[in-house]
Amino acid sequence: MRKGGVGVSMKMDKGNGEKKEFFQLNRRRFLSLSGILGLALIAGKPDITMAIAEKEGKMTYQAKDYNRLIGMEGFSETLLKNHFTLYQGYVTNTNKLMDGLNQPLKEGKTGTPEFAELKRRFGWEFNGMRLHEYYFENLGGKGGISKNGKLYQKLTESFGSYEAWEKDFKATGTMRGIGWVVLYQDITNGKLINFWINEHDVGHPAGGMPILIMDVFEHAFMIDYGLKRADYIEAFFKNINWTEVEKRLLLHKG
């Protein structure tokens, strides 16, 4: 991170101790980014799912291991392993699409319907990968949110009370339909807002930072809970890793 907070600069460890700067943003450009990319930048961890294939000179993503969640109260091993497999499919398809998009670019065939459809599909697969990572990583905790923490304070400021926020988040999760519930932070003023996301690549607020992510597609709960989604949501809340969630919070003076 540059001094003074005027921009963001990310470096990649090439494996031999050398740090290579490969991405740099000024403040104006950074604030224009959507939340899905924004959290990765703020975290300062460009390697969270990336690996460099040195020999081929291309970038690929690697599935992360979330087996630490097995044994979590309210989530069977069968459900979690099925969910991990689904996530791994998104990682695989993200890499396939990146390869598929590079070829027509090299050949100058970007004006084709094939290129257009691959480009449209890429957002679905990439966000499917990244949203699942955020979801798994904000699980595995024990105990409630700290009332002395900054997240609790921001939730109270934005919703009037923590209880009002929780009621709104759970109500959003029990709406008819499938998708995601995401607590977003508006990066321009710090306000927290709960959003319903119907598709991986549709409905994310521009300039939003994802803080807490809950998967409400059927695969996230039906093996254990059938149609009782509200019971799944209660189990989700019992296992939130509030320490990890608070790390995603952006702090604002205004």
Protein backbone atom coordinates (compact mmCIF):
# COMPACT_ATOMS: atom_id res chain seq x y z
CA MET A 1 0.00 0.00 0.00
CA ARG A 2 1.36 3.44 -0.83
CA LYS A 3 1.90 5.90 1.98
CA GLY A 4 -0.93 8.33 2.59
CA GLY A 5 -3.56 5.96 1.25
CA VAL A 6 -3.50 7.55 -2.20
CA GLY A 7 -3.32 4.29 -4.06
CA VAL A 8 -2.89 0.54 -4.03
CA SER A 9 0.12 -1.38 -5.27
CA MET A 10 0.28 -5.18 -5.22
CA LYS A 11 3.35 -7.37 -5.60
CA MET A 12 3.73 -11.04 -6.48
CA ASP A 13 6.38 -13.28 -4.95
CA LYS A 14 7.93 -15.09 -7.92
CA GLY A 15 9.21 -17.91 -5.71
CA ASN A 16 12.87 -16.91 -5.71
CA GLY A 17 12.59 -14.11 -3.18
CA GLU A 18 12.06 -11.48 -5.87
CA LYS A 19 8.97 -9.31 -5.57
CA LYS A 20 7.50 -8.17 -8.86
CA GLU A 21 5.01 -5.33 -8.92
CA PHE A 22 2.22 -6.24 -11.31
CA PHE A 23 -0.75 -4.10 -10.34
CA GLN A 24 -1.06 -0.49 -9.29
CA LEU A 25 -4.07 1.76 -8.82
CA ASN A 26 -4.50 5.39 -7.95
CA ARG A 27 -7.19 6.30 -5.45
CA ARG A 28 -9.75 7.39 -8.05
CA ARG A 29 -9.41 4.16 -10.03
CA PHE A 30 -9.54 2.03 -6.86
CA LEU A 31 -12.77 3.62 -5.68
CA SER A 32 -14.38 2.80 -9.03
CA LEU A 33 -13.85 -0.92 -8.58
CA SER A 34 -16.73 -3.19 -7.60
CA GLY A 35 -16.67 -5.00 -4.28
CA ILE A 36 -15.79 -8.47 -5.56
CA LEU A 37 -12.40 -7.24 -6.78
CA GLY A 38 -12.08 -4.65 -4.06
CA LEU A 39 -11.85 -7.06 -1.12
CA ALA A 40 -8.97 -8.94 -2.69
CA LEU A 41 -7.13 -5.66 -3.18
CA ILE A 42 -7.72 -4.38 0.34
CA ALA A 43 -6.68 -7.70 1.83
CA GLY A 44 -3.34 -7.25 0.05
CA LYS A 45 -3.30 -10.94 -0.77
CA PRO A 46 -3.21 -11.35 -4.56
CA ASP A 47 -2.04 -14.90 -4.04
CA ILE A 48 -5.19 -16.09 -2.21
CA THR A 49 -6.10 -18.31 -5.14
CA MET A 50 -3.52 -17.41 -7.75
CA ALA A 51 -0.52 -19.36 -8.87
CA ILE A 52 1.94 -18.43 -11.57
CA ALA A 53 2.69 -21.11 -14.13
CA GLU A 54 6.20 -19.87 -14.86
CA LYS A 55 6.93 -22.19 -17.75
CA GLU A 56 3.79 -21.31 -19.66
CA GLY A 57 3.80 -17.66 -18.63
CA LYS A 58 0.13 -17.68 -17.64
CA MET A 59 -1.85 -17.10 -14.48
CA THR A 60 -4.05 -19.81 -13.01
CA TYR A 61 -6.17 -20.20 -9.90
CA GLN A 62 -5.89 -23.02 -7.38
CA ALA A 63 -8.69 -24.35 -5.20
CA LYS A 64 -8.15 -23.70 -1.50
CA ASP A 65 -8.47 -26.36 1.17
CA TYR A 66 -11.36 -25.83 3.57
CA ASN A 67 -11.32 -29.21 5.28
CA ARG A 68 -10.83 -27.40 8.59
CA LEU A 69 -14.59 -26.78 8.50
CA ILE A 70 -15.43 -30.49 8.68
CA GLY A 71 -16.94 -31.18 12.07
CA MET A 72 -18.53 -27.74 12.27
CA GLU A 73 -21.77 -27.86 14.27
CA GLY A 74 -24.87 -27.96 12.10
CA PHE A 75 -23.03 -28.90 8.88
CA SER A 76 -22.59 -32.57 7.99
CA GLU A 77 -19.42 -33.86 6.40
CA THR A 78 -21.44 -34.95 3.36
CA LEU A 79 -22.87 -31.47 2.84
CA LEU A 80 -19.51 -29.76 3.22
CA LYS A 81 -17.63 -32.14 0.93
CA ASN A 82 -20.28 -31.75 -1.76
CA HIS A 83 -20.02 -27.99 -1.39
CA PHE A 84 -16.22 -28.09 -1.62
CA THR A 85 -16.48 -30.13 -4.82
CA LEU A 86 -18.86 -27.58 -6.33
CA TYR A 87 -16.45 -24.77 -5.45
CA GLN A 88 -13.54 -26.67 -7.01
CA GLY A 89 -15.57 -26.85 -10.22
CA TYR A 90 -15.78 -23.06 -10.34
CA VAL A 91 -12.00 -22.82 -9.97
CA THR A 92 -11.51 -25.33 -12.78
CA ASN A 93 -13.94 -23.55 -15.08
CA THR A 94 -12.41 -20.14 -14.32
CA ASN A 95 -9.04 -21.44 -15.50
CA LYS A 96 -10.57 -23.05 -18.60
CA LEU A 97 -12.29 -19.82 -19.56
CA MET A 98 -9.12 -17.80 -19.07
CA ASP A 99 -7.36 -20.17 -21.46
CA GLY A 100 -10.28 -20.08 -23.87
CA LEU A 101 -10.31 -16.30 -23.93
CA ASN A 102 -6.56 -15.98 -24.48
CA GLN A 103 -6.57 -17.96 -27.72
CA PRO A 104 -8.96 -15.77 -29.78
CA LEU A 105 -7.20 -12.71 -28.38
CA LYS A 106 -3.88 -13.95 -29.74
CA GLU A 107 -5.48 -14.89 -33.07
CA GLY A 108 -7.35 -11.61 -33.47
CA LYS A 109 -10.75 -13.33 -33.37
CA THR A 110 -12.38 -11.28 -30.62
CA GLY A 111 -15.27 -10.26 -32.84
CA THR A 112 -16.77 -13.75 -32.82
CA PRO A 113 -19.90 -14.96 -30.96
CA GLU A 114 -17.72 -17.61 -29.31
CA PHE A 115 -15.47 -14.99 -27.71
CA ALA A 116 -18.47 -12.96 -26.55
CA GLU A 117 -20.14 -15.94 -24.88
CA LEU A 118 -16.94 -17.02 -23.15
CA LYS A 119 -16.42 -13.46 -21.89
CA ARG A 120 -19.99 -13.33 -20.52
CA ARG A 121 -19.62 -16.71 -18.84
CA PHE A 122 -16.34 -15.73 -17.20
CA GLY A 123 -18.03 -13.44 -14.67
CA TRP A 124 -20.31 -16.26 -13.53
CA GLU A 125 -17.50 -18.76 -12.98
CA PHE A 126 -15.07 -16.27 -11.42
CA ASN A 127 -17.61 -14.89 -8.97
CA GLY A 128 -18.79 -18.42 -8.20
CA MET A 129 -15.21 -19.20 -7.20
CA ARG A 130 -14.58 -16.03 -5.22
CA LEU A 131 -17.94 -15.86 -3.41
CA HIS A 132 -17.51 -19.43 -2.19
CA GLU A 133 -14.06 -18.55 -0.86
CA TYR A 134 -15.48 -15.60 1.07
CA TYR A 135 -18.30 -17.83 2.34
CA PHE A 136 -16.08 -20.65 3.58
CA GLU A 137 -13.62 -18.20 5.09
CA ASN A 138 -16.30 -16.41 7.12
CA LEU A 139 -17.27 -19.77 8.69
CA GLY A 140 -15.59 -21.86 11.38
CA GLY A 141 -15.87 -19.40 14.23
CA LYS A 142 -17.26 -19.88 17.72
CA GLY A 143 -19.02 -17.35 19.85
CA GLY A 144 -20.92 -14.22 18.93
CA ILE A 145 -19.76 -10.91 17.61
CA SER A 146 -17.70 -8.76 19.97
CA LYS A 147 -19.76 -5.83 21.19
CA ASN A 148 -16.53 -3.88 21.58
CA GLY A 149 -15.45 -4.43 17.98
CA LYS A 150 -15.54 -1.99 15.09
CA LEU A 151 -17.94 -4.17 13.09
CA TYR A 152 -20.52 -4.14 15.86
CA GLN A 153 -20.20 -0.38 16.03
CA LYS A 154 -20.63 0.04 12.27
CA LEU A 155 -23.67 -2.27 12.23
CA THR A 156 -25.25 -0.22 14.99
CA GLU A 157 -24.53 3.01 13.14
CA SER A 158 -26.00 1.69 9.89
CA PHE A 159 -29.05 -0.17 11.21
CA GLY A 160 -29.78 1.41 14.57
CA SER A 161 -28.78 -1.75 16.44
CA TYR A 162 -27.04 -5.07 15.88
CA GLU A 163 -30.37 -6.84 16.39
CA ALA A 164 -32.01 -4.79 13.62
CA TRP A 165 -29.20 -5.73 11.24
CA GLU A 166 -29.42 -9.44 12.10
CA LYS A 167 -33.20 -9.41 11.61
CA ASP A 168 -32.81 -7.80 8.19
CA PHE A 169 -30.00 -10.17 7.12
CA LYS A 170 -31.95 -13.28 8.14
CA ALA A 171 -35.14 -11.98 6.52
CA THR A 172 -33.24 -11.43 3.28
CA GLY A 173 -31.93 -14.99 3.45
CA THR A 174 -35.40 -16.50 3.84
CA MET A 175 -36.88 -14.74 0.80
CA ARG A 176 -38.14 -17.00 -1.96
CA GLY A 177 -35.48 -17.74 -4.54
CA ILE A 178 -31.88 -18.88 -4.57
CA GLY A 179 -28.71 -16.86 -4.48
CA TRP A 180 -26.55 -15.07 -1.92
CA VAL A 181 -27.05 -12.69 0.95
CA VAL A 182 -24.16 -10.25 1.23
CA LEU A 183 -23.51 -7.57 3.79
CA TYR A 184 -21.84 -4.88 1.71
CA GLN A 185 -20.01 -1.79 2.83
CA ASP A 186 -20.33 1.30 0.66
CA ILE A 187 -16.70 2.28 0.22
CA THR A 188 -17.58 5.96 -0.32
CA ASN A 189 -19.12 6.51 3.12
CA GLY A 190 -18.67 3.31 5.13
CA LYS A 191 -22.38 2.51 5.38
CA LEU A 192 -23.32 -1.19 5.69
CA ILE A 193 -26.20 -2.56 3.58
CA ASN A 194 -27.62 -6.08 3.16
CA PHE A 195 -28.06 -7.14 -0.46
CA TRP A 196 -29.81 -10.05 -2.12
CA ILE A 197 -27.69 -11.37 -4.99
CA ASN A 198 -29.70 -13.54 -7.37
CA GLU A 199 -26.83 -14.73 -9.56
CA HIS A 200 -23.07 -14.88 -9.01
CA ASP A 201 -22.46 -12.15 -11.57
CA VAL A 202 -25.62 -10.05 -11.25
CA GLY A 203 -26.76 -7.56 -8.65
CA HIS A 204 -23.50 -6.70 -6.89
CA PRO A 205 -23.45 -2.99 -5.95
CA ALA A 206 -20.78 -0.92 -7.66
CA GLY A 207 -18.33 0.41 -5.10
CA GLY A 208 -19.37 -2.20 -2.55
CA MET A 209 -17.04 -4.19 -0.29
CA PRO A 210 -18.37 -7.66 0.66
CA ILE A 211 -18.13 -8.07 4.44
CA LEU A 212 -20.25 -11.15 5.27
CA ILE A 213 -21.42 -13.69 2.69
CA MET A 214 -24.12 -16.34 3.12
CA ASP A 215 -24.83 -18.92 0.41
CA VAL A 216 -28.54 -19.67 0.05
CA PHE A 217 -28.42 -21.86 -3.04
CA GLU A 218 -29.96 -25.28 -2.30
CA HIS A 219 -26.61 -27.06 -2.27
CA ALA A 220 -25.60 -25.03 0.80
CA PHE A 221 -28.28 -26.54 3.04
CA MET A 222 -30.74 -29.04 1.53
CA ILE A 223 -28.74 -32.20 2.29
CA ASP A 224 -28.98 -31.36 6.01
CA TYR A 225 -32.08 -29.19 6.26
CA GLY A 226 -34.33 -29.98 3.32
CA LEU A 227 -36.66 -27.01 2.86
CA LYS A 228 -35.99 -25.63 6.35
CA ARG A 229 -33.79 -22.78 5.21
CA ALA A 230 -34.40 -20.78 8.40
CA ASP A 231 -32.79 -23.59 10.43
CA TYR A 232 -29.75 -23.51 8.14
CA ILE A 233 -29.47 -19.75 8.65
CA GLU A 234 -29.46 -20.24 12.42
CA ALA A 235 -26.65 -22.81 12.05
CA PHE A 236 -24.78 -20.38 9.79
CA PHE A 237 -24.93 -17.65 12.43
CA LYS A 238 -23.64 -20.00 15.12
CA ASN A 239 -20.53 -20.62 13.03
CA ILE A 240 -19.65 -17.15 11.74
CA ASN A 241 -15.97 -16.33 12.08
CA TRP A 242 -16.46 -12.77 13.25
CA THR A 243 -12.72 -12.15 13.50
CA GLU A 244 -12.31 -12.88 9.79
CA VAL A 245 -15.39 -10.85 8.90
CA GLU A 246 -14.15 -7.79 10.77
CA LYS A 247 -10.86 -7.93 8.86
CA ARG A 248 -12.82 -7.13 5.71
CA LEU A 249 -14.21 -3.94 7.15
CA LEU A 250 -13.00 -0.68 5.66
CA LEU A 251 -12.52 2.10 8.17
CA HIS A 252 -13.71 5.57 7.23
CA LYS A 253 -13.21 8.91 8.89
CA GLY A 254 -16.40 10.28 7.38
